[in-house]
Amino acid sequence: MSIKSQTAEIMERISHEKAEILNIQQRIADLSLDDLPTETPKQQIEESAQSYLESAKDEEPVVALPEVPQNVEAPPEVPRDVETKDAVHNYACIIAQQNKKPDDTEPGDWLTRMQAQ
């Protein structure tokens, strides 16, 4: 092949690729979001709101509240200082359990297990 024929092939390929690029750019422009309406027209919103309000007027909400019990004994009153002391004690127990290390993590016990292996 001569240089002229190779150059002609390359020029033909370049012109074909340029045409494809222009076609794709045209498709993108056709499908662009600028061409599509991004907001619902105000009238359509007003109509849907109006129909919603009209349907809400037709239906009356039914509210079923539980009945108040008549003969209910009040729980025995506990002095607040007793409740506070119990809560503090429970919290201290929980913290102590969280901070407590299992017995098998003591250094002597670990060394014994390692020697046994």
N, C-alpha and C. Protein backbone atom coordinates (compact mmCIF):
# COMPACT_ATOMS: atom_id res chain seq x y z
N MET A 1 0.84 -1.18 0.00
CA MET A 1 0.00 0.00 0.00
C MET A 1 0.88 1.25 0.00
N SER A 2 0.39 2.19 -0.70
CA SER A 2 1.17 3.42 -0.77
C SER A 2 0.72 4.38 0.32
N ILE A 3 1.48 5.40 0.50
CA ILE A 3 1.18 6.40 1.52
C ILE A 3 -0.11 7.12 1.17
N LYS A 4 -0.35 7.37 -0.13
CA LYS A 4 -1.58 8.05 -0.55
C LYS A 4 -2.81 7.23 -0.18
N SER A 5 -2.78 5.94 -0.39
CA SER A 5 -3.96 5.11 -0.09
C SER A 5 -4.19 4.99 1.42
N GLN A 6 -3.11 4.90 2.16
CA GLN A 6 -3.24 4.85 3.63
C GLN A 6 -3.78 6.17 4.16
N THR A 7 -3.30 7.26 3.62
CA THR A 7 -3.79 8.59 4.04
C THR A 7 -5.26 8.74 3.68
N ALA A 8 -5.65 8.26 2.53
CA ALA A 8 -7.05 8.35 2.10
C ALA A 8 -7.94 7.54 3.04
N GLU A 9 -7.48 6.34 3.43
CA GLU A 9 -8.24 5.50 4.38
C GLU A 9 -8.40 6.20 5.72
N ILE A 10 -7.32 6.78 6.22
CA ILE A 10 -7.37 7.47 7.51
C ILE A 10 -8.30 8.66 7.42
N MET A 11 -8.24 9.43 6.33
CA MET A 11 -9.12 10.59 6.17
C MET A 11 -10.58 10.15 6.10
N GLU A 12 -10.84 9.05 5.41
CA GLU A 12 -12.21 8.53 5.31
C GLU A 12 -12.71 8.09 6.69
N ARG A 13 -11.86 7.41 7.44
CA ARG A 13 -12.22 6.95 8.78
C ARG A 13 -12.49 8.15 9.70
N ILE A 14 -11.66 9.19 9.60
CA ILE A 14 -11.84 10.38 10.43
C ILE A 14 -13.17 11.06 10.09
N SER A 15 -13.48 11.19 8.80
CA SER A 15 -14.75 11.83 8.43
C SER A 15 -15.94 11.00 8.89
N HIS A 16 -15.81 9.66 8.84
CA HIS A 16 -16.88 8.78 9.33
C HIS A 16 -17.07 8.97 10.85
N GLU A 17 -15.96 9.02 11.60
CA GLU A 17 -16.04 9.21 13.05
C GLU A 17 -16.64 10.58 13.40
N LYS A 18 -16.29 11.63 12.64
CA LYS A 18 -16.87 12.95 12.87
C LYS A 18 -18.37 12.92 12.65
N ALA A 19 -18.82 12.22 11.62
CA ALA A 19 -20.26 12.11 11.35
C ALA A 19 -20.97 11.40 12.50
N GLU A 20 -20.34 10.34 13.02
CA GLU A 20 -20.93 9.61 14.16
C GLU A 20 -21.01 10.50 15.39
N ILE A 21 -19.96 11.28 15.61
CA ILE A 21 -19.96 12.20 16.77
C ILE A 21 -21.09 13.21 16.63
N LEU A 22 -21.27 13.75 15.44
CA LEU A 22 -22.36 14.71 15.23
C LEU A 22 -23.73 14.06 15.45
N ASN A 23 -23.90 12.82 14.99
CA ASN A 23 -25.17 12.10 15.20
C ASN A 23 -25.44 11.91 16.69
N ILE A 24 -24.41 11.52 17.43
CA ILE A 24 -24.59 11.29 18.88
C ILE A 24 -24.89 12.61 19.58
N GLN A 25 -24.21 13.68 19.20
CA GLN A 25 -24.48 14.97 19.81
C GLN A 25 -25.91 15.42 19.54
N GLN A 26 -26.40 15.12 18.34
CA GLN A 26 -27.79 15.47 18.01
C GLN A 26 -28.77 14.67 18.87
N ARG A 27 -28.49 13.38 19.06
CA ARG A 27 -29.37 12.55 19.92
C ARG A 27 -29.36 13.06 21.35
N ILE A 28 -28.19 13.43 21.84
CA ILE A 28 -28.10 13.95 23.21
C ILE A 28 -28.91 15.24 23.33
N ALA A 29 -28.82 16.08 22.34
CA ALA A 29 -29.58 17.33 22.36
C ALA A 29 -31.08 17.04 22.35
N ASP A 30 -31.49 16.02 21.60
CA ASP A 30 -32.91 15.67 21.55
C ASP A 30 -33.41 15.13 22.88
N LEU A 31 -32.54 14.41 23.57
CA LEU A 31 -32.94 13.80 24.85
C LEU A 31 -32.58 14.66 26.05
N SER A 32 -32.12 15.84 25.81
CA SER A 32 -31.64 16.72 26.87
C SER A 32 -32.74 17.01 27.88
N LEU A 33 -32.32 17.17 29.14
CA LEU A 33 -33.28 17.50 30.19
C LEU A 33 -33.84 18.90 30.03
N ASP A 34 -33.13 19.74 29.28
CA ASP A 34 -33.63 21.09 29.06
C ASP A 34 -34.93 21.08 28.27
N ASP A 35 -35.08 20.06 27.44
CA ASP A 35 -36.29 19.96 26.62
C ASP A 35 -37.47 19.38 27.38
N LEU A 36 -37.19 18.64 28.47
CA LEU A 36 -38.27 18.02 29.24
C LEU A 36 -38.76 18.97 30.32
N PRO A 37 -40.05 18.96 30.59
CA PRO A 37 -40.55 19.79 31.70
C PRO A 37 -40.11 19.17 33.02
N THR A 38 -39.47 19.97 33.86
CA THR A 38 -38.97 19.44 35.13
C THR A 38 -39.95 19.67 36.27
N GLU A 39 -40.89 20.58 36.09
CA GLU A 39 -41.85 20.86 37.15
C GLU A 39 -43.26 20.54 36.65
N THR A 40 -44.08 20.12 37.57
CA THR A 40 -45.47 19.88 37.24
C THR A 40 -46.15 21.24 37.12
N PRO A 41 -46.96 21.42 36.14
CA PRO A 41 -47.64 22.71 36.00
C PRO A 41 -48.46 23.04 37.24
N LYS A 42 -48.53 24.33 37.53
CA LYS A 42 -49.21 24.80 38.73
C LYS A 42 -50.68 24.36 38.76
N GLN A 43 -51.31 24.39 37.62
CA GLN A 43 -52.72 24.03 37.58
C GLN A 43 -52.94 22.57 37.96
N GLN A 44 -52.05 21.69 37.52
CA GLN A 44 -52.19 20.27 37.85
C GLN A 44 -52.04 20.05 39.35
N ILE A 45 -51.12 20.78 39.98
CA ILE A 45 -50.95 20.67 41.43
C ILE A 45 -52.20 21.16 42.14
N GLU A 46 -52.72 22.28 41.68
CA GLU A 46 -53.92 22.83 42.32
C GLU A 46 -55.10 21.87 42.19
N GLU A 47 -55.24 21.24 41.03
CA GLU A 47 -56.35 20.30 40.83
C GLU A 47 -56.21 19.08 41.73
N SER A 48 -55.01 18.55 41.85
CA SER A 48 -54.84 17.37 42.70
C SER A 48 -55.05 17.74 44.17
N ALA A 49 -54.61 18.92 44.58
CA ALA A 49 -54.84 19.35 45.95
C ALA A 49 -56.33 19.53 46.22
N GLN A 50 -57.02 20.11 45.26
CA GLN A 50 -58.46 20.32 45.41
C GLN A 50 -59.20 18.99 45.52
N SER A 51 -58.84 18.03 44.67
CA SER A 51 -59.53 16.74 44.74
C SER A 51 -59.21 16.02 46.04
N TYR A 52 -58.00 16.17 46.56
CA TYR A 52 -57.64 15.56 47.84
C TYR A 52 -58.47 16.18 48.96
N LEU A 53 -58.59 17.49 48.95
CA LEU A 53 -59.35 18.15 50.01
C LEU A 53 -60.83 17.78 49.93
N GLU A 54 -61.36 17.65 48.74
CA GLU A 54 -62.76 17.26 48.60
C GLU A 54 -62.99 15.84 49.09
N SER A 55 -62.07 14.93 48.80
CA SER A 55 -62.25 13.56 49.28
C SER A 55 -62.09 13.49 50.79
N ALA A 56 -61.27 14.35 51.36
CA ALA A 56 -61.10 14.35 52.81
C ALA A 56 -62.34 14.89 53.50
N LYS A 57 -63.07 15.80 52.86
CA LYS A 57 -64.30 16.33 53.45
C LYS A 57 -65.38 15.26 53.51
N ASP A 58 -65.45 14.39 52.51
CA ASP A 58 -66.49 13.37 52.44
C ASP A 58 -66.35 12.34 53.55
N GLU A 59 -65.14 12.05 53.92
CA GLU A 59 -64.90 11.03 54.94
C GLU A 59 -64.67 11.69 56.29
N GLU A 60 -65.47 11.32 57.26
CA GLU A 60 -65.26 11.84 58.59
C GLU A 60 -64.37 10.88 59.34
N PRO A 61 -63.30 11.37 59.94
CA PRO A 61 -62.40 10.48 60.65
C PRO A 61 -63.07 9.90 61.89
N VAL A 62 -62.82 8.63 62.11
CA VAL A 62 -63.37 7.94 63.27
C VAL A 62 -62.24 7.80 64.27
N VAL A 63 -62.42 8.41 65.41
CA VAL A 63 -61.39 8.36 66.44
C VAL A 63 -61.91 7.51 67.58
N ALA A 64 -61.24 6.40 67.83
CA ALA A 64 -61.64 5.52 68.91
C ALA A 64 -60.60 5.63 70.02
N LEU A 65 -60.99 6.32 71.07
CA LEU A 65 -60.09 6.48 72.21
C LEU A 65 -60.38 5.38 73.24
N PRO A 66 -59.37 4.90 73.92
CA PRO A 66 -59.63 3.89 74.95
C PRO A 66 -60.37 4.51 76.12
N GLU A 67 -61.17 3.67 76.74
CA GLU A 67 -61.93 4.16 77.89
C GLU A 67 -61.03 4.26 79.10
N VAL A 68 -61.33 5.23 79.94
CA VAL A 68 -60.54 5.43 81.16
C VAL A 68 -61.01 4.43 82.20
N PRO A 69 -60.12 3.63 82.77
CA PRO A 69 -60.53 2.68 83.80
C PRO A 69 -61.04 3.41 85.04
N GLN A 70 -62.08 2.87 85.62
CA GLN A 70 -62.71 3.54 86.75
C GLN A 70 -62.08 3.15 88.10
N ASN A 71 -61.85 1.85 88.29
CA ASN A 71 -61.35 1.38 89.60
C ASN A 71 -59.92 0.86 89.47
N VAL A 72 -59.02 1.77 89.34
CA VAL A 72 -57.61 1.38 89.23
C VAL A 72 -56.88 1.89 90.46
N GLU A 73 -56.16 0.97 91.07
CA GLU A 73 -55.40 1.38 92.26
C GLU A 73 -54.08 1.99 91.82
N ALA A 74 -53.69 3.04 92.48
CA ALA A 74 -52.42 3.69 92.18
C ALA A 74 -51.29 2.82 92.71
N PRO A 75 -50.17 2.77 92.03
CA PRO A 75 -49.06 1.98 92.54
C PRO A 75 -48.55 2.57 93.85
N PRO A 76 -48.02 1.72 94.71
CA PRO A 76 -47.55 2.25 96.00
C PRO A 76 -46.43 3.25 95.75
N GLU A 77 -46.48 4.30 96.53
CA GLU A 77 -45.47 5.33 96.35
C GLU A 77 -44.18 4.92 97.02
N VAL A 78 -43.10 5.07 96.28
CA VAL A 78 -41.78 4.74 96.79
C VAL A 78 -41.04 6.06 96.94
N PRO A 79 -40.41 6.25 98.06
CA PRO A 79 -39.66 7.50 98.22
C PRO A 79 -38.60 7.62 97.13
N ARG A 80 -38.41 8.84 96.65
CA ARG A 80 -37.49 9.06 95.53
C ARG A 80 -36.05 8.71 95.88
N ASP A 81 -35.66 8.88 97.14
CA ASP A 81 -34.28 8.58 97.49
C ASP A 81 -34.00 7.08 97.41
N VAL A 82 -35.04 6.24 97.67
CA VAL A 82 -34.86 4.79 97.55
C VAL A 82 -34.69 4.42 96.08
N GLU A 83 -35.53 5.00 95.20
CA GLU A 83 -35.41 4.73 93.77
C GLU A 83 -34.03 5.15 93.26
N THR A 84 -33.56 6.29 93.69
CA THR A 84 -32.26 6.78 93.24
C THR A 84 -31.14 5.87 93.71
N LYS A 85 -31.22 5.42 94.96
CA LYS A 85 -30.17 4.54 95.49
C LYS A 85 -30.17 3.22 94.72
N ASP A 86 -31.37 2.68 94.42
CA ASP A 86 -31.44 1.43 93.66
C ASP A 86 -30.86 1.60 92.25
N ALA A 87 -31.18 2.71 91.62
CA ALA A 87 -30.68 2.95 90.27
C ALA A 87 -29.17 3.09 90.26
N VAL A 88 -28.62 3.79 91.24
CA VAL A 88 -27.18 3.96 91.33
C VAL A 88 -26.51 2.61 91.59
N HIS A 89 -27.11 1.81 92.47
CA HIS A 89 -26.55 0.48 92.77
C HIS A 89 -26.56 -0.40 91.52
N ASN A 90 -27.68 -0.42 90.79
CA ASN A 90 -27.78 -1.22 89.56
C ASN A 90 -26.75 -0.77 88.53
N TYR A 91 -26.59 0.53 88.39
CA TYR A 91 -25.63 1.06 87.43
C TYR A 91 -24.21 0.65 87.82
N ALA A 92 -23.90 0.73 89.11
CA ALA A 92 -22.56 0.36 89.58
C ALA A 92 -22.30 -1.13 89.34
N CYS A 93 -23.32 -1.96 89.51
CA CYS A 93 -23.15 -3.40 89.26
C CYS A 93 -22.89 -3.66 87.77
N ILE A 94 -23.59 -2.97 86.92
CA ILE A 94 -23.40 -3.15 85.48
C ILE A 94 -21.99 -2.75 85.07
N ILE A 95 -21.54 -1.61 85.57
CA ILE A 95 -20.19 -1.14 85.25
C ILE A 95 -19.15 -2.12 85.78
N ALA A 96 -19.35 -2.64 86.98
CA ALA A 96 -18.40 -3.59 87.55
C ALA A 96 -18.33 -4.87 86.71
N GLN A 97 -19.48 -5.33 86.20
CA GLN A 97 -19.48 -6.54 85.37
C GLN A 97 -18.78 -6.29 84.04
N GLN A 98 -18.95 -5.10 83.50
CA GLN A 98 -18.31 -4.78 82.23
C GLN A 98 -16.79 -4.68 82.39
N ASN A 99 -16.35 -4.17 83.51
CA ASN A 99 -14.92 -4.00 83.74
C ASN A 99 -14.25 -5.27 84.25
N LYS A 100 -15.03 -6.25 84.68
CA LYS A 100 -14.47 -7.48 85.22
C LYS A 100 -13.88 -8.30 84.09
N LYS A 101 -12.65 -8.77 84.28
CA LYS A 101 -11.98 -9.58 83.27
C LYS A 101 -12.23 -11.05 83.60
N PRO A 102 -12.39 -11.87 82.59
CA PRO A 102 -12.55 -13.30 82.84
C PRO A 102 -11.28 -13.87 83.50
N ASP A 103 -11.45 -14.93 84.27
CA ASP A 103 -10.34 -15.52 85.02
C ASP A 103 -9.26 -16.07 84.10
N ASP A 104 -9.63 -16.48 82.89
CA ASP A 104 -8.65 -17.13 82.02
C ASP A 104 -7.70 -16.14 81.37
N THR A 105 -7.83 -14.84 81.64
CA THR A 105 -6.90 -13.88 81.07
C THR A 105 -5.78 -13.52 82.02
N GLU A 106 -5.75 -14.15 83.18
CA GLU A 106 -4.66 -13.87 84.11
C GLU A 106 -3.36 -14.41 83.53
N PRO A 107 -2.22 -13.73 83.76
CA PRO A 107 -0.95 -14.12 83.13
C PRO A 107 -0.51 -15.54 83.49
N GLY A 108 -0.66 -15.94 84.73
CA GLY A 108 -0.24 -17.28 85.14
C GLY A 108 -1.03 -18.36 84.45
N ASP A 109 -2.33 -18.15 84.31
CA ASP A 109 -3.20 -19.13 83.67
C ASP A 109 -2.85 -19.25 82.19
N TRP A 110 -2.55 -18.15 81.54
CA TRP A 110 -2.19 -18.15 80.14
C TRP A 110 -0.90 -18.92 79.92
N LEU A 111 0.07 -18.70 80.80
CA LEU A 111 1.37 -19.38 80.69
C LEU A 111 1.18 -20.90 80.87
N THR A 112 0.31 -21.30 81.80
CA THR A 112 0.05 -22.72 82.02
C THR A 112 -0.57 -23.34 80.77
N ARG A 113 -1.51 -22.67 80.15
CA ARG A 113 -2.14 -23.21 78.95
C ARG A 113 -1.13 -23.32 77.80
N MET A 114 -0.25 -22.32 77.67
CA MET A 114 0.73 -22.36 76.60
C MET A 114 1.72 -23.51 76.79
N GLN A 115 2.11 -23.77 78.03
CA GLN A 115 3.05 -24.86 78.30
C GLN A 115 2.39 -26.22 78.07
N ALA A 116 1.07 -26.29 78.29
CA ALA A 116 0.35 -27.55 78.11
C ALA A 116 0.28 -27.92 76.62
N GLN A 117 0.32 -26.97 75.76
CA GLN A 117 0.23 -27.24 74.32
C GLN A 117 1.55 -27.76 73.86
